[in-house]
Amino acid sequence: MLRPRLARPGRTLRLLDLAPLAAGPGEEAVQASVTDLDAMTAACQGADAVIHLAGISGEAPWPRILETNINGGYAAFEAARRAGTPRVIFASSNHAVGFTPRQAFPVPDYAFPAPDTYYGVAKAAIEAIAAMYHHRYGLDAICVRILSCFPRPASVRMLSTWLSPDDAGRLFEACLTAERPGFRVIFGVSANTRGGWVSLAEARALGYRPQDDAEAYAGGIIAEHGEPDPDDPALRFLGGEFTLPDAQVPKARPPGTRPSA
């Protein structure tokens, strides 16, 4: 999603993933794990910034969250420090503050963590690491609490929480180019008519100007799902369905087994 939107003349995007990647014009590809500190340090050499997106992108058993999302987050910041890369932009999540109640909307920038899952705990933990690496080592560190970044909104909740692909590009470009941002915790969401769930003050202070609105998709979504129900338990907190009592945290599985569908 971000590769074409961050491409610029004179800019090289160095891509790192576990999966093999085909590098396009203005790109370099590295196959490695975010948890491999040596590989991460090598990949950071000569870079102006790291955009840290790697990790399990949803709830998982604690050992997997710890290894990939928390240890991987540490590796991203420590690799940047070792390589002399001055800026790290971390893809955090609204689930770091998922148990913020609707009565507290709009959720302010820097809201104290209220994670709704192990996934949210990991995001809060790396926000703390980001703060330490800024205050101790002087790195510019921006934590972007992304709401719902998908090609198009797919639910009633997303009419309020959608971050469009184009606005995601605008947001990360602002994070890349803001002059000496220091340590920031910002929210990532589009200019949705039904928004107002979170503050965009800090994102705008970095130069973010959202242009897209989930309302363009509202007719089809409301026709399929109905109007939002104010008594819907999934709409009581910022984290949505992640906060429901029956949203069970997965248990660790024996080695070699696979999750059920």
C-alpha atoms as a PDB file:
ATOM      1  CA  MET A   1       0.000   0.000   0.000  1.00  0.00           C
ATOM      2  CA  LEU A   2       2.749   2.447   0.927  1.00  0.00           C
ATOM      3  CA  ARG A   3       5.399   1.552  -1.639  1.00  0.00           C
ATOM      4  CA  PRO A   4       3.878   3.437  -4.598  1.00  0.00           C
ATOM      5  CA  ARG A   5       2.677   6.254  -2.365  1.00  0.00           C
ATOM      6  CA  LEU A   6       6.087   6.923  -0.839  1.00  0.00           C
ATOM      7  CA  ALA A   7       8.068   6.619  -4.079  1.00  0.00           C
ATOM      8  CA  ARG A   8       9.822   9.877  -4.999  1.00  0.00           C
ATOM      9  CA  PRO A   9      12.551  10.860  -7.469  1.00  0.00           C
ATOM     10  CA  GLY A  10      15.871  10.616  -5.681  1.00  0.00           C
ATOM     11  CA  ARG A  11      14.443   8.415  -2.889  1.00  0.00           C
ATOM     12  CA  THR A  12      15.313   4.749  -2.432  1.00  0.00           C
ATOM     13  CA  LEU A  13      12.936   2.493  -0.520  1.00  0.00           C
ATOM     14  CA  ARG A  14      14.768  -0.407   1.105  1.00  0.00           C
ATOM     15  CA  LEU A  15      12.165  -3.113   1.760  1.00  0.00           C
ATOM     16  CA  LEU A  16      12.600  -5.843   4.376  1.00  0.00           C
ATOM     17  CA  ASP A  17      10.314  -8.832   4.749  1.00  0.00           C
ATOM     18  CA  LEU A  18      10.390 -12.518   5.611  1.00  0.00           C
ATOM     19  CA  ALA A  19       8.905 -13.227   2.192  1.00  0.00           C
ATOM     20  CA  PRO A  20      10.936 -12.705  -0.966  1.00  0.00           C
ATOM     21  CA  LEU A  21      10.202  -9.335  -2.562  1.00  0.00           C
ATOM     22  CA  ALA A  22      10.717  -8.140  -6.113  1.00  0.00           C
ATOM     23  CA  ALA A  23      12.354  -4.716  -6.021  1.00  0.00           C
ATOM     24  CA  GLY A  24      10.944  -2.201  -8.462  1.00  0.00           C
ATOM     25  CA  PRO A  25      12.466   1.056  -9.692  1.00  0.00           C
ATOM     26  CA  GLY A  26      13.871   3.042  -6.792  1.00  0.00           C
ATOM     27  CA  GLU A  27      13.675   0.042  -4.461  1.00  0.00           C
ATOM     28  CA  GLU A  28      16.009  -2.433  -2.780  1.00  0.00           C
ATOM     29  CA  ALA A  29      14.834  -5.708  -1.256  1.00  0.00           C
ATOM     30  CA  VAL A  30      16.168  -7.498   1.827  1.00  0.00           C
ATOM     31  CA  GLN A  31      14.833 -10.879   2.955  1.00  0.00           C
ATOM     32  CA  ALA A  32      15.147 -11.113   6.729  1.00  0.00           C
ATOM     33  CA  SER A  33      13.180 -11.173   9.958  1.00  0.00           C
ATOM     34  CA  VAL A  34      12.465  -8.080  12.001  1.00  0.00           C
ATOM     35  CA  THR A  35      13.638 -10.097  15.020  1.00  0.00           C
ATOM     36  CA  ASP A  36      17.134 -10.594  13.521  1.00  0.00           C
ATOM     37  CA  LEU A  37      19.027  -7.693  15.076  1.00  0.00           C
ATOM     38  CA  ASP A  38      22.152  -8.130  12.951  1.00  0.00           C
ATOM     39  CA  ALA A  39      20.151  -8.210   9.716  1.00  0.00           C
ATOM     40  CA  MET A  40      18.091  -5.236  10.834  1.00  0.00           C
ATOM     41  CA  THR A  41      21.218  -3.262  11.695  1.00  0.00           C
ATOM     42  CA  ALA A  42      22.716  -4.008   8.298  1.00  0.00           C
ATOM     43  CA  ALA A  43      19.477  -2.979   6.584  1.00  0.00           C
ATOM     44  CA  CYS A  44      19.469   0.333   8.469  1.00  0.00           C
ATOM     45  CA  GLN A  45      22.956   1.318   7.307  1.00  0.00           C
ATOM     46  CA  GLY A  46      22.799   4.598   5.404  1.00  0.00           C
ATOM     47  CA  ALA A  47      19.046   5.002   5.882  1.00  0.00           C
ATOM     48  CA  ASP A  48      17.460   8.330   6.767  1.00  0.00           C
ATOM     49  CA  ALA A  49      14.462   6.728   8.464  1.00  0.00           C
ATOM     50  CA  VAL A  50      12.839   3.415   9.338  1.00  0.00           C
ATOM     51  CA  ILE A  51       9.127   2.813   8.859  1.00  0.00           C
ATOM     52  CA  HIS A  52       8.439  -0.127  11.153  1.00  0.00           C
ATOM     53  CA  LEU A  53       5.348  -2.012   9.955  1.00  0.00           C
ATOM     54  CA  ALA A  54       6.452  -5.588  10.666  1.00  0.00           C
ATOM     55  CA  GLY A  55       4.662  -7.895  13.058  1.00  0.00           C
ATOM     56  CA  ILE A  56       1.599 -10.050  13.590  1.00  0.00           C
ATOM     57  CA  SER A  57      -1.269  -7.794  12.507  1.00  0.00           C
ATOM     58  CA  GLY A  58      -3.876  -9.042  14.963  1.00  0.00           C
ATOM     59  CA  GLU A  59      -4.350 -11.026  18.145  1.00  0.00           C
ATOM     60  CA  ALA A  60      -2.206 -14.126  18.733  1.00  0.00           C
ATOM     61  CA  PRO A  61      -0.959 -16.193  21.682  1.00  0.00           C
ATOM     62  CA  TRP A  62       1.407 -14.357  24.003  1.00  0.00           C
ATOM     63  CA  PRO A  63       4.639 -16.169  22.980  1.00  0.00           C
ATOM     64  CA  ARG A  64       4.140 -15.139  19.332  1.00  0.00           C
ATOM     65  CA  ILE A  65       3.237 -11.552  20.234  1.00  0.00           C
ATOM     66  CA  LEU A  66       6.262 -11.342  22.527  1.00  0.00           C
ATOM     67  CA  GLU A  67       8.709 -12.690  19.958  1.00  0.00           C
ATOM     68  CA  THR A  68       7.502 -10.961  16.823  1.00  0.00           C
ATOM     69  CA  ASN A  69       5.802  -7.760  17.923  1.00  0.00           C
ATOM     70  CA  ILE A  70       7.689  -6.835  21.090  1.00  0.00           C
ATOM     71  CA  ASN A  71      11.153  -8.267  20.402  1.00  0.00           C
ATOM     72  CA  GLY A  72      10.819  -7.226  16.770  1.00  0.00           C
ATOM     73  CA  GLY A  73       9.894  -3.697  17.819  1.00  0.00           C
ATOM     74  CA  TYR A  74      12.916  -3.516  20.088  1.00  0.00           C
ATOM     75  CA  ALA A  75      15.118  -4.734  17.231  1.00  0.00           C
ATOM     76  CA  ALA A  76      13.824  -2.011  14.911  1.00  0.00           C
ATOM     77  CA  PHE A  77      14.743   0.765  17.339  1.00  0.00           C
ATOM     78  CA  GLU A  78      18.025  -0.773  18.471  1.00  0.00           C
ATOM     79  CA  ALA A  79      19.087  -1.419  14.864  1.00  0.00           C
ATOM     80  CA  ALA A  80      18.363   2.206  13.990  1.00  0.00           C
ATOM     81  CA  ARG A  81      20.439   3.357  16.952  1.00  0.00           C
ATOM     82  CA  ARG A  82      23.367   1.106  16.066  1.00  0.00           C
ATOM     83  CA  ALA A  83      23.292   2.159  12.413  1.00  0.00           C
ATOM     84  CA  GLY A  84      22.927   5.869  13.154  1.00  0.00           C
ATOM     85  CA  THR A  85      19.497   6.113  11.513  1.00  0.00           C
ATOM     86  CA  PRO A  86      17.963   9.233  13.083  1.00  0.00           C
ATOM     87  CA  ARG A  87      14.231   8.544  12.750  1.00  0.00           C
ATOM     88  CA  VAL A  88      11.862   5.613  13.381  1.00  0.00           C
ATOM     89  CA  ILE A  89       8.162   5.738  12.470  1.00  0.00           C
ATOM     90  CA  PHE A  90       6.279   2.967  14.235  1.00  0.00           C
ATOM     91  CA  ALA A  91       2.894   1.632  13.123  1.00  0.00           C
ATOM     92  CA  SER A  92       1.081   1.509  16.446  1.00  0.00           C
ATOM     93  CA  SER A  93      -2.660   0.938  16.763  1.00  0.00           C
ATOM     94  CA  ASN A  94      -5.871   2.220  18.282  1.00  0.00           C
ATOM     95  CA  HIS A  95      -5.824  -1.084  20.181  1.00  0.00           C
ATOM     96  CA  ALA A  96      -3.122   0.369  22.436  1.00  0.00           C
ATOM     97  CA  VAL A  97      -5.980   2.453  23.852  1.00  0.00           C
ATOM     98  CA  GLY A  98      -8.815   0.160  22.778  1.00  0.00           C
ATOM     99  CA  PHE A  99     -10.659   0.257  26.106  1.00  0.00           C
ATOM    100  CA  THR A 100     -11.105   4.023  25.952  1.00  0.00           C
ATOM    101  CA  PRO A 101     -14.894   4.454  26.359  1.00  0.00           C
ATOM    102  CA  ARG A 102     -17.066   6.288  23.884  1.00  0.00           C
ATOM    103  CA  GLN A 103     -17.795   8.952  26.502  1.00  0.00           C
ATOM    104  CA  ALA A 104     -14.120   9.969  26.303  1.00  0.00           C
ATOM    105  CA  PHE A 105     -14.136  10.567  22.516  1.00  0.00           C
ATOM    106  CA  PRO A 106     -12.317  12.197  20.875  1.00  0.00           C
ATOM    107  CA  VAL A 107      -9.438  10.234  22.360  1.00  0.00           C
ATOM    108  CA  PRO A 108      -6.597  12.709  22.942  1.00  0.00           C
ATOM    109  CA  ASP A 109      -3.114  12.369  21.557  1.00  0.00           C
ATOM    110  CA  TYR A 110      -0.860  10.646  24.115  1.00  0.00           C
ATOM    111  CA  ALA A 111      -3.856   9.014  25.826  1.00  0.00           C
ATOM    112  CA  PHE A 112      -2.585   6.632  28.496  1.00  0.00           C
ATOM    113  CA  PRO A 113      -2.523   2.995  27.318  1.00  0.00           C
ATOM    114  CA  ALA A 114      -5.706   0.978  27.767  1.00  0.00           C
ATOM    115  CA  PRO A 115      -4.933  -2.038  25.558  1.00  0.00           C
ATOM    116  CA  ASP A 116      -7.691  -4.452  24.631  1.00  0.00           C
ATOM    117  CA  THR A 117      -5.575  -7.492  23.639  1.00  0.00           C
ATOM    118  CA  TYR A 118      -2.039  -8.883  23.756  1.00  0.00           C
ATOM    119  CA  TYR A 119      -1.697  -7.202  20.373  1.00  0.00           C
ATOM    120  CA  GLY A 120      -2.597  -3.863  21.962  1.00  0.00           C
ATOM    121  CA  VAL A 121      -0.214  -4.502  24.864  1.00  0.00           C
ATOM    122  CA  ALA A 122       2.619  -4.973  22.359  1.00  0.00           C
ATOM    123  CA  LYS A 123       1.777  -1.672  20.657  1.00  0.00           C
ATOM    124  CA  ALA A 124       1.845   0.122  24.003  1.00  0.00           C
ATOM    125  CA  ALA A 125       5.146  -1.545  24.867  1.00  0.00           C
ATOM    126  CA  ILE A 126       6.822  -0.355  21.676  1.00  0.00           C
ATOM    127  CA  GLU A 127       5.447   3.148  22.210  1.00  0.00           C
ATOM    128  CA  ALA A 128       7.322   3.050  25.525  1.00  0.00           C
ATOM    129  CA  ILE A 129      10.463   1.833  23.774  1.00  0.00           C
ATOM    130  CA  ALA A 130      10.081   4.667  21.267  1.00  0.00           C
ATOM    131  CA  ALA A 131       9.934   7.193  24.099  1.00  0.00           C
ATOM    132  CA  MET A 132      13.057   5.753  25.722  1.00  0.00           C
ATOM    133  CA  TYR A 133      15.042   5.738  22.480  1.00  0.00           C
ATOM    134  CA  HIS A 134      14.126   9.375  21.942  1.00  0.00           C
ATOM    135  CA  HIS A 135      14.945  10.575  25.452  1.00  0.00           C
ATOM    136  CA  ARG A 136      18.053   8.439  25.949  1.00  0.00           C
ATOM    137  CA  TYR A 137      19.524   8.373  22.442  1.00  0.00           C
ATOM    138  CA  GLY A 138      17.964  11.358  20.676  1.00  0.00           C
ATOM    139  CA  LEU A 139      16.103   9.436  17.963  1.00  0.00           C
ATOM    140  CA  ASP A 140      13.100  11.079  16.387  1.00  0.00           C
ATOM    141  CA  ALA A 141      10.329   8.579  17.138  1.00  0.00           C
ATOM    142  CA  ILE A 142       6.764   8.844  15.864  1.00  0.00           C
ATOM    143  CA  CYS A 143       4.128   6.311  16.937  1.00  0.00           C
ATOM    144  CA  VAL A 144       1.110   6.247  14.625  1.00  0.00           C
ATOM    145  CA  ARG A 145      -1.978   4.802  16.295  1.00  0.00           C
ATOM    146  CA  ILE A 146      -3.667   3.571  13.126  1.00  0.00           C
ATOM    147  CA  LEU A 147      -7.416   2.951  13.277  1.00  0.00           C
ATOM    148  CA  SER A 148      -8.732   0.919  10.274  1.00  0.00           C
ATOM    149  CA  CYS A 149      -6.437   1.028   7.253  1.00  0.00           C
ATOM    150  CA  PHE A 150      -8.004  -0.945   4.414  1.00  0.00           C
ATOM    151  CA  PRO A 151      -8.604  -0.363   0.703  1.00  0.00           C
ATOM    152  CA  ARG A 152     -12.198   0.581   1.567  1.00  0.00           C
ATOM    153  CA  PRO A 153     -14.355   0.586   4.723  1.00  0.00           C
ATOM    154  CA  ALA A 154     -16.078  -2.734   5.320  1.00  0.00           C
ATOM    155  CA  SER A 155     -18.281  -2.147   8.384  1.00  0.00           C
ATOM    156  CA  VAL A 156     -20.382   0.472  10.132  1.00  0.00           C
ATOM    157  CA  ARG A 157     -17.547   1.082  12.591  1.00  0.00           C
ATOM    158  CA  MET A 158     -15.151   1.799   9.742  1.00  0.00           C
ATOM    159  CA  LEU A 159     -17.346   4.675   8.595  1.00  0.00           C
ATOM    160  CA  SER A 160     -15.771   6.409  11.611  1.00  0.00           C
ATOM    161  CA  THR A 161     -12.356   4.731  11.786  1.00  0.00           C
ATOM    162  CA  TRP A 162     -11.248   4.308   8.159  1.00  0.00           C
ATOM    163  CA  LEU A 163      -7.778   5.410   7.084  1.00  0.00           C
ATOM    164  CA  SER A 164      -7.703   5.319   3.290  1.00  0.00           C
ATOM    165  CA  PRO A 165      -4.624   4.076   1.426  1.00  0.00           C
ATOM    166  CA  ASP A 166      -4.013   7.548  -0.027  1.00  0.00           C
ATOM    167  CA  ASP A 167      -4.344   9.214   3.371  1.00  0.00           C
ATOM    168  CA  ALA A 168      -2.006   6.589   4.819  1.00  0.00           C
ATOM    169  CA  GLY A 169       0.543   7.661   2.212  1.00  0.00           C
ATOM    170  CA  ARG A 170       0.001  11.321   3.128  1.00  0.00           C
ATOM    171  CA  LEU A 171       0.353  10.548   6.828  1.00  0.00           C
ATOM    172  CA  PHE A 172       3.580   8.561   6.567  1.00  0.00           C
ATOM    173  CA  GLU A 173       5.030  11.120   4.155  1.00  0.00           C
ATOM    174  CA  ALA A 174       4.345  13.812   6.765  1.00  0.00           C
ATOM    175  CA  CYS A 175       6.086  11.667   9.375  1.00  0.00           C
ATOM    176  CA  LEU A 176       9.084  11.236   7.070  1.00  0.00           C
ATOM    177  CA  THR A 177       9.468  14.905   6.214  1.00  0.00           C
ATOM    178  CA  ALA A 178       8.526  16.796   9.391  1.00  0.00           C
ATOM    179  CA  GLU A 179      11.553  18.654  10.697  1.00  0.00           C
ATOM    180  CA  ARG A 180      12.901  17.283  13.997  1.00  0.00           C
ATOM    181  CA  PRO A 181       9.601  15.915  15.316  1.00  0.00           C
ATOM    182  CA  GLY A 182      11.082  14.465  18.511  1.00  0.00           C
ATOM    183  CA  PHE A 183       8.799  11.944  20.217  1.00  0.00           C
ATOM    184  CA  ARG A 184       5.185  11.946  19.049  1.00  0.00           C
ATOM    185  CA  VAL A 185       2.122   9.771  19.507  1.00  0.00           C
ATOM    186  CA  ILE A 186      -0.433  10.523  16.802  1.00  0.00           C
ATOM    187  CA  PHE A 187      -3.587   8.958  15.412  1.00  0.00           C
ATOM    188  CA  GLY A 188      -4.067   7.776  11.837  1.00  0.00           C
ATOM    189  CA  VAL A 189      -7.541   8.229  10.376  1.00  0.00           C
ATOM    190  CA  SER A 190      -9.129   9.894   7.360  1.00  0.00           C
ATOM    191  CA  ALA A 191     -11.396  12.956   7.336  1.00  0.00           C
ATOM    192  CA  ASN A 192     -14.537  10.900   7.875  1.00  0.00           C
ATOM    193  CA  THR A 193     -17.897  12.641   8.194  1.00  0.00           C
ATOM    194  CA  ARG A 194     -18.753  10.221  11.022  1.00  0.00           C
ATOM    195  CA  GLY A 195     -15.332  10.606  12.602  1.00  0.00           C
ATOM    196  CA  GLY A 196     -14.374  12.588  15.664  1.00  0.00           C
ATOM    197  CA  TRP A 197     -13.411   9.466  17.597  1.00  0.00           C
ATOM    198  CA  VAL A 198      -9.782  10.526  18.035  1.00  0.00           C
ATOM    199  CA  SER A 199      -7.713  13.674  17.958  1.00  0.00           C
ATOM    200  CA  LEU A 200      -5.839  14.600  14.806  1.00  0.00           C
ATOM    201  CA  ALA A 201      -4.102  17.620  16.358  1.00  0.00           C
ATOM    202  CA  GLU A 202      -0.630  16.078  16.553  1.00  0.00           C
ATOM    203  CA  ALA A 203      -0.897  14.474  13.106  1.00  0.00           C
ATOM    204  CA  ARG A 204      -1.885  17.824  11.617  1.00  0.00           C
ATOM    205  CA  ALA A 205       0.984  19.494  13.478  1.00  0.00           C
ATOM    206  CA  LEU A 206       3.344  17.226  11.512  1.00  0.00           C
ATOM    207  CA  GLY A 207       1.749  18.330   8.235  1.00  0.00           C
ATOM    208  CA  TYR A 208      -0.881  15.627   7.698  1.00  0.00           C
ATOM    209  CA  ARG A 209      -3.864  16.812   5.687  1.00  0.00           C
ATOM    210  CA  PRO A 210      -6.434  13.990   5.255  1.00  0.00           C
ATOM    211  CA  GLN A 211      -8.550  14.211   2.118  1.00  0.00           C
ATOM    212  CA  ASP A 212     -10.673  11.062   2.013  1.00  0.00           C
ATOM    213  CA  ASP A 213     -14.027  10.314   3.652  1.00  0.00           C
ATOM    214  CA  ALA A 214     -15.589   6.916   4.344  1.00  0.00           C
ATOM    215  CA  GLU A 215     -18.996   8.498   3.777  1.00  0.00           C
ATOM    216  CA  ALA A 216     -18.517   7.821   0.070  1.00  0.00           C
ATOM    217  CA  TYR A 217     -19.155   4.151   0.926  1.00  0.00           C
ATOM    218  CA  ALA A 218     -21.865   4.699   3.542  1.00  0.00           C
ATOM    219  CA  GLY A 219     -24.840   3.894   1.316  1.00  0.00           C
ATOM    220  CA  GLY A 220     -23.710   0.372   0.531  1.00  0.00           C
ATOM    221  CA  ILE A 221     -22.527  -0.343   4.072  1.00  0.00           C
ATOM    222  CA  ILE A 222     -25.746   0.882   5.696  1.00  0.00           C
ATOM    223  CA  ALA A 223     -27.814  -1.070   3.152  1.00  0.00           C
ATOM    224  CA  GLU A 224     -25.919  -4.233   4.125  1.00  0.00           C
ATOM    225  CA  HIS A 225     -25.514  -3.750   7.873  1.00  0.00           C
ATOM    226  CA  GLY A 226     -28.118  -1.164   8.878  1.00  0.00           C
ATOM    227  CA  GLU A 227     -27.647   2.135  10.683  1.00  0.00           C
ATOM    228  CA  PRO A 228     -25.257   2.153  13.659  1.00  0.00           C
ATOM    229  CA  ASP A 229     -26.926   0.950  16.853  1.00  0.00           C
ATOM    230  CA  PRO A 230     -25.881   3.148  19.807  1.00  0.00           C
ATOM    231  CA  ASP A 231     -26.407   0.149  22.092  1.00  0.00           C
ATOM    232  CA  ASP A 232     -24.113  -2.113  20.071  1.00  0.00           C
ATOM    233  CA  PRO A 233     -21.484  -3.411  22.547  1.00  0.00           C
ATOM    234  CA  ALA A 234     -18.884  -3.284  19.759  1.00  0.00           C
ATOM    235  CA  LEU A 235     -19.272   0.501  19.643  1.00  0.00           C
ATOM    236  CA  ARG A 236     -18.856   1.131  23.391  1.00  0.00           C
ATOM    237  CA  PHE A 237     -15.073   1.410  23.187  1.00  0.00           C
ATOM    238  CA  LEU A 238     -12.538   2.604  20.649  1.00  0.00           C
ATOM    239  CA  GLY A 239     -11.250  -0.936  20.079  1.00  0.00           C
ATOM    240  CA  GLY A 240     -14.567  -2.227  18.770  1.00  0.00           C
ATOM    241  CA  GLU A 241     -14.955  -6.009  18.615  1.00  0.00           C
ATOM    242  CA  PHE A 242     -11.538  -6.523  20.215  1.00  0.00           C
ATOM    243  CA  THR A 243     -13.115  -5.359  23.500  1.00  0.00           C
ATOM    244  CA  LEU A 244     -16.073  -7.769  23.566  1.00  0.00           C
ATOM    245  CA  PRO A 245     -16.192 -10.251  26.470  1.00  0.00           C
ATOM    246  CA  ASP A 246     -16.342 -13.223  24.103  1.00  0.00           C
ATOM    247  CA  ALA A 247     -13.316 -12.028  22.117  1.00  0.00           C
ATOM    248  CA  GLN A 248     -11.185 -14.741  23.661  1.00  0.00           C
ATOM    249  CA  VAL A 249      -7.423 -14.322  23.620  1.00  0.00           C
ATOM    250  CA  PRO A 250      -5.965 -17.308  21.732  1.00  0.00           C
ATOM    251  CA  LYS A 251      -4.055 -19.844  23.779  1.00  0.00           C
ATOM    252  CA  ALA A 252      -0.602 -21.035  22.831  1.00  0.00           C
ATOM    253  CA  ARG A 253      -0.685 -24.111  20.605  1.00  0.00           C
ATOM    254  CA  PRO A 254       1.682 -27.064  20.777  1.00  0.00           C
ATOM    255  CA  PRO A 255       4.618 -26.752  18.356  1.00  0.00           C
ATOM    256  CA  GLY A 256       3.834 -27.878  14.835  1.00  0.00           C
ATOM    257  CA  THR A 257       0.088 -27.315  15.044  1.00  0.00           C
ATOM    258  CA  ARG A 258      -1.916 -24.820  13.004  1.00  0.00           C
ATOM    259  CA  PRO A 259      -4.805 -22.578  14.066  1.00  0.00           C
ATOM    260  CA  SER A 260      -8.335 -23.609  13.161  1.00  0.00           C
ATOM    261  CA  ALA A 261     -10.250 -21.475  10.654  1.00  0.00           C
END
